[in-house]
Amino acid sequence: MYAILIHTTYGPGTRARAEQMADRVTQDFRTRPGFKSATFYEADAIEGEYGGLVIWETKEAAEAALDASLASAHLIRDGLGLQPQRIGNHRIVEIYEPKP
């Protein structure tokens, strides 16, 4: 399996809007082939730093979803009035699941 790692900083007082962003982006991801799950986190409440881990069945599914979703994610973000204070980043990583 593969994951899209997402990390960005929106600034203080942005948690509610960051959660709305996560909800809306996840709705889009769920429509795409290979989607497994999405989990989002707050890394720093004072700085408004957030991230997410979106799991996909294959690297190709993760790449296709990332390519297809970037433009709509920016529209959602802009519509919520979220502007990154630091350049956000995203990357695709391979997931290793420990053996039982």
C-alpha atoms as a PDB file:
ATOM      1  CA  MET A   1       0.000   0.000   0.000  1.00  0.00           C
ATOM      2  CA  TYR A   2       0.958   3.616  -0.440  1.00  0.00           C
ATOM      3  CA  ALA A   3       0.072   6.877   1.260  1.00  0.00           C
ATOM      4  CA  ILE A   4      -0.095  10.530   0.399  1.00  0.00           C
ATOM      5  CA  LEU A   5       1.499  12.501   3.245  1.00  0.00           C
ATOM      6  CA  ILE A   6       0.182  16.050   3.494  1.00  0.00           C
ATOM      7  CA  HIS A   7       1.586  18.769   5.775  1.00  0.00           C
ATOM      8  CA  THR A   8       0.884  22.502   5.902  1.00  0.00           C
ATOM      9  CA  THR A   9       0.596  25.484   8.257  1.00  0.00           C
ATOM     10  CA  TYR A  10      -2.425  27.787   8.094  1.00  0.00           C
ATOM     11  CA  GLY A  11      -1.830  29.834  11.239  1.00  0.00           C
ATOM     12  CA  PRO A  12      -3.527  30.317  14.604  1.00  0.00           C
ATOM     13  CA  GLY A  13      -7.290  29.896  14.893  1.00  0.00           C
ATOM     14  CA  THR A  14      -7.704  27.831  11.723  1.00  0.00           C
ATOM     15  CA  ARG A  15      -8.565  24.394  13.126  1.00  0.00           C
ATOM     16  CA  ALA A  16     -12.307  24.477  12.312  1.00  0.00           C
ATOM     17  CA  ARG A  17     -11.586  25.487   8.715  1.00  0.00           C
ATOM     18  CA  ALA A  18      -8.757  22.939   8.441  1.00  0.00           C
ATOM     19  CA  GLU A  19     -11.223  20.242   9.563  1.00  0.00           C
ATOM     20  CA  GLN A  20     -13.719  21.405   6.927  1.00  0.00           C
ATOM     21  CA  MET A  21     -10.933  21.216   4.360  1.00  0.00           C
ATOM     22  CA  ALA A  22     -10.082  17.656   5.443  1.00  0.00           C
ATOM     23  CA  ASP A  23     -13.757  16.618   5.275  1.00  0.00           C
ATOM     24  CA  ARG A  24     -14.239  18.005   1.775  1.00  0.00           C
ATOM     25  CA  VAL A  25     -10.983  16.688   0.335  1.00  0.00           C
ATOM     26  CA  THR A  26     -11.743  13.250   1.787  1.00  0.00           C
ATOM     27  CA  GLN A  27     -15.144  13.253   0.058  1.00  0.00           C
ATOM     28  CA  ASP A  28     -13.281  13.693  -3.229  1.00  0.00           C
ATOM     29  CA  PHE A  29     -10.694  11.013  -2.392  1.00  0.00           C
ATOM     30  CA  ARG A  30     -13.439   8.492  -1.537  1.00  0.00           C
ATOM     31  CA  THR A  31     -14.718   8.640  -5.127  1.00  0.00           C
ATOM     32  CA  ARG A  32     -11.351   7.610  -6.536  1.00  0.00           C
ATOM     33  CA  PRO A  33     -10.254   4.026  -7.268  1.00  0.00           C
ATOM     34  CA  GLY A  34      -7.934   2.484  -4.710  1.00  0.00           C
ATOM     35  CA  PHE A  35      -8.889   4.710  -1.761  1.00  0.00           C
ATOM     36  CA  LYS A  36      -8.498   2.926   1.602  1.00  0.00           C
ATOM     37  CA  SER A  37      -8.637   5.529   4.390  1.00  0.00           C
ATOM     38  CA  ALA A  38      -7.757   9.048   5.492  1.00  0.00           C
ATOM     39  CA  THR A  39      -6.542  10.349   8.844  1.00  0.00           C
ATOM     40  CA  PHE A  40      -5.735  13.963   9.627  1.00  0.00           C
ATOM     41  CA  TYR A  41      -3.877  15.520  12.562  1.00  0.00           C
ATOM     42  CA  GLU A  42      -3.044  18.806  14.243  1.00  0.00           C
ATOM     43  CA  ALA A  43       0.717  19.007  14.741  1.00  0.00           C
ATOM     44  CA  ASP A  44       0.785  22.400  16.483  1.00  0.00           C
ATOM     45  CA  ALA A  45      -2.348  24.195  17.709  1.00  0.00           C
ATOM     46  CA  ILE A  46      -0.572  27.502  18.322  1.00  0.00           C
ATOM     47  CA  GLU A  47       0.962  27.656  14.843  1.00  0.00           C
ATOM     48  CA  GLY A  48      -2.053  26.079  13.111  1.00  0.00           C
ATOM     49  CA  GLU A  49       0.034  23.272  11.654  1.00  0.00           C
ATOM     50  CA  TYR A  50      -1.888  20.317  10.188  1.00  0.00           C
ATOM     51  CA  GLY A  51      -1.319  17.189   8.176  1.00  0.00           C
ATOM     52  CA  GLY A  52      -2.842  14.024   6.866  1.00  0.00           C
ATOM     53  CA  LEU A  53      -2.170  10.477   5.799  1.00  0.00           C
ATOM     54  CA  VAL A  54      -4.323   9.137   2.953  1.00  0.00           C
ATOM     55  CA  ILE A  55      -3.914   5.417   2.233  1.00  0.00           C
ATOM     56  CA  TRP A  56      -4.199   3.911  -1.268  1.00  0.00           C
ATOM     57  CA  GLU A  57      -4.067   0.354  -2.587  1.00  0.00           C
ATOM     58  CA  THR A  58      -1.329   1.134  -5.144  1.00  0.00           C
ATOM     59  CA  LYS A  59       1.230   3.792  -5.948  1.00  0.00           C
ATOM     60  CA  GLU A  60      -0.555   4.423  -9.254  1.00  0.00           C
ATOM     61  CA  ALA A  61      -3.844   5.065  -7.423  1.00  0.00           C
ATOM     62  CA  ALA A  62      -2.126   7.504  -5.054  1.00  0.00           C
ATOM     63  CA  GLU A  63      -0.419   9.347  -7.926  1.00  0.00           C
ATOM     64  CA  ALA A  64      -3.640   9.574  -9.940  1.00  0.00           C
ATOM     65  CA  ALA A  65      -5.603  10.832  -6.929  1.00  0.00           C
ATOM     66  CA  LEU A  66      -2.977  13.431  -6.088  1.00  0.00           C
ATOM     67  CA  ASP A  67      -2.817  14.701  -9.667  1.00  0.00           C
ATOM     68  CA  ALA A  68      -6.610  14.851  -9.983  1.00  0.00           C
ATOM     69  CA  SER A  69      -7.279  16.386  -6.570  1.00  0.00           C
ATOM     70  CA  LEU A  70      -4.726  19.200  -6.300  1.00  0.00           C
ATOM     71  CA  ALA A  71      -6.731  21.769  -8.254  1.00  0.00           C
ATOM     72  CA  SER A  72      -9.980  21.037  -6.407  1.00  0.00           C
ATOM     73  CA  ALA A  73      -8.154  21.055  -3.054  1.00  0.00           C
ATOM     74  CA  HIS A  74      -6.813  24.537  -3.795  1.00  0.00           C
ATOM     75  CA  LEU A  75     -10.319  25.742  -4.680  1.00  0.00           C
ATOM     76  CA  ILE A  76     -11.704  24.296  -1.440  1.00  0.00           C
ATOM     77  CA  ARG A  77      -8.867  25.846   0.555  1.00  0.00           C
ATOM     78  CA  ASP A  78      -9.350  29.242  -1.054  1.00  0.00           C
ATOM     79  CA  GLY A  79     -13.122  29.060  -0.529  1.00  0.00           C
ATOM     80  CA  LEU A  80     -12.542  28.472   3.182  1.00  0.00           C
ATOM     81  CA  GLY A  81     -10.166  31.425   3.363  1.00  0.00           C
ATOM     82  CA  LEU A  82      -7.178  29.253   4.222  1.00  0.00           C
ATOM     83  CA  GLN A  83      -3.836  30.513   2.999  1.00  0.00           C
ATOM     84  CA  PRO A  84      -0.722  28.548   3.882  1.00  0.00           C
ATOM     85  CA  GLN A  85       1.701  30.545   6.023  1.00  0.00           C
ATOM     86  CA  ARG A  86       4.432  28.101   5.108  1.00  0.00           C
ATOM     87  CA  ILE A  87       4.661  26.262   1.841  1.00  0.00           C
ATOM     88  CA  GLY A  88       2.783  23.019   2.308  1.00  0.00           C
ATOM     89  CA  ASN A  89       4.181  19.773   1.079  1.00  0.00           C
ATOM     90  CA  HIS A  90       2.871  16.429  -0.017  1.00  0.00           C
ATOM     91  CA  ARG A  91       4.570  13.250  -1.066  1.00  0.00           C
ATOM     92  CA  ILE A  92       3.777   9.644  -1.805  1.00  0.00           C
ATOM     93  CA  VAL A  93       5.354   7.005   0.420  1.00  0.00           C
ATOM     94  CA  GLU A  94       5.209   3.223   0.560  1.00  0.00           C
ATOM     95  CA  ILE A  95       3.529   1.741   3.634  1.00  0.00           C
ATOM     96  CA  TYR A  96       5.051  -1.168   5.509  1.00  0.00           C
ATOM     97  CA  GLU A  97       2.719  -3.120   7.773  1.00  0.00           C
ATOM     98  CA  PRO A  98       4.508  -5.176  10.439  1.00  0.00           C
ATOM     99  CA  LYS A  99       3.891  -8.882  10.428  1.00  0.00           C
ATOM    100  CA  PRO A 100       1.789 -10.250  13.320  1.00  0.00           C
END
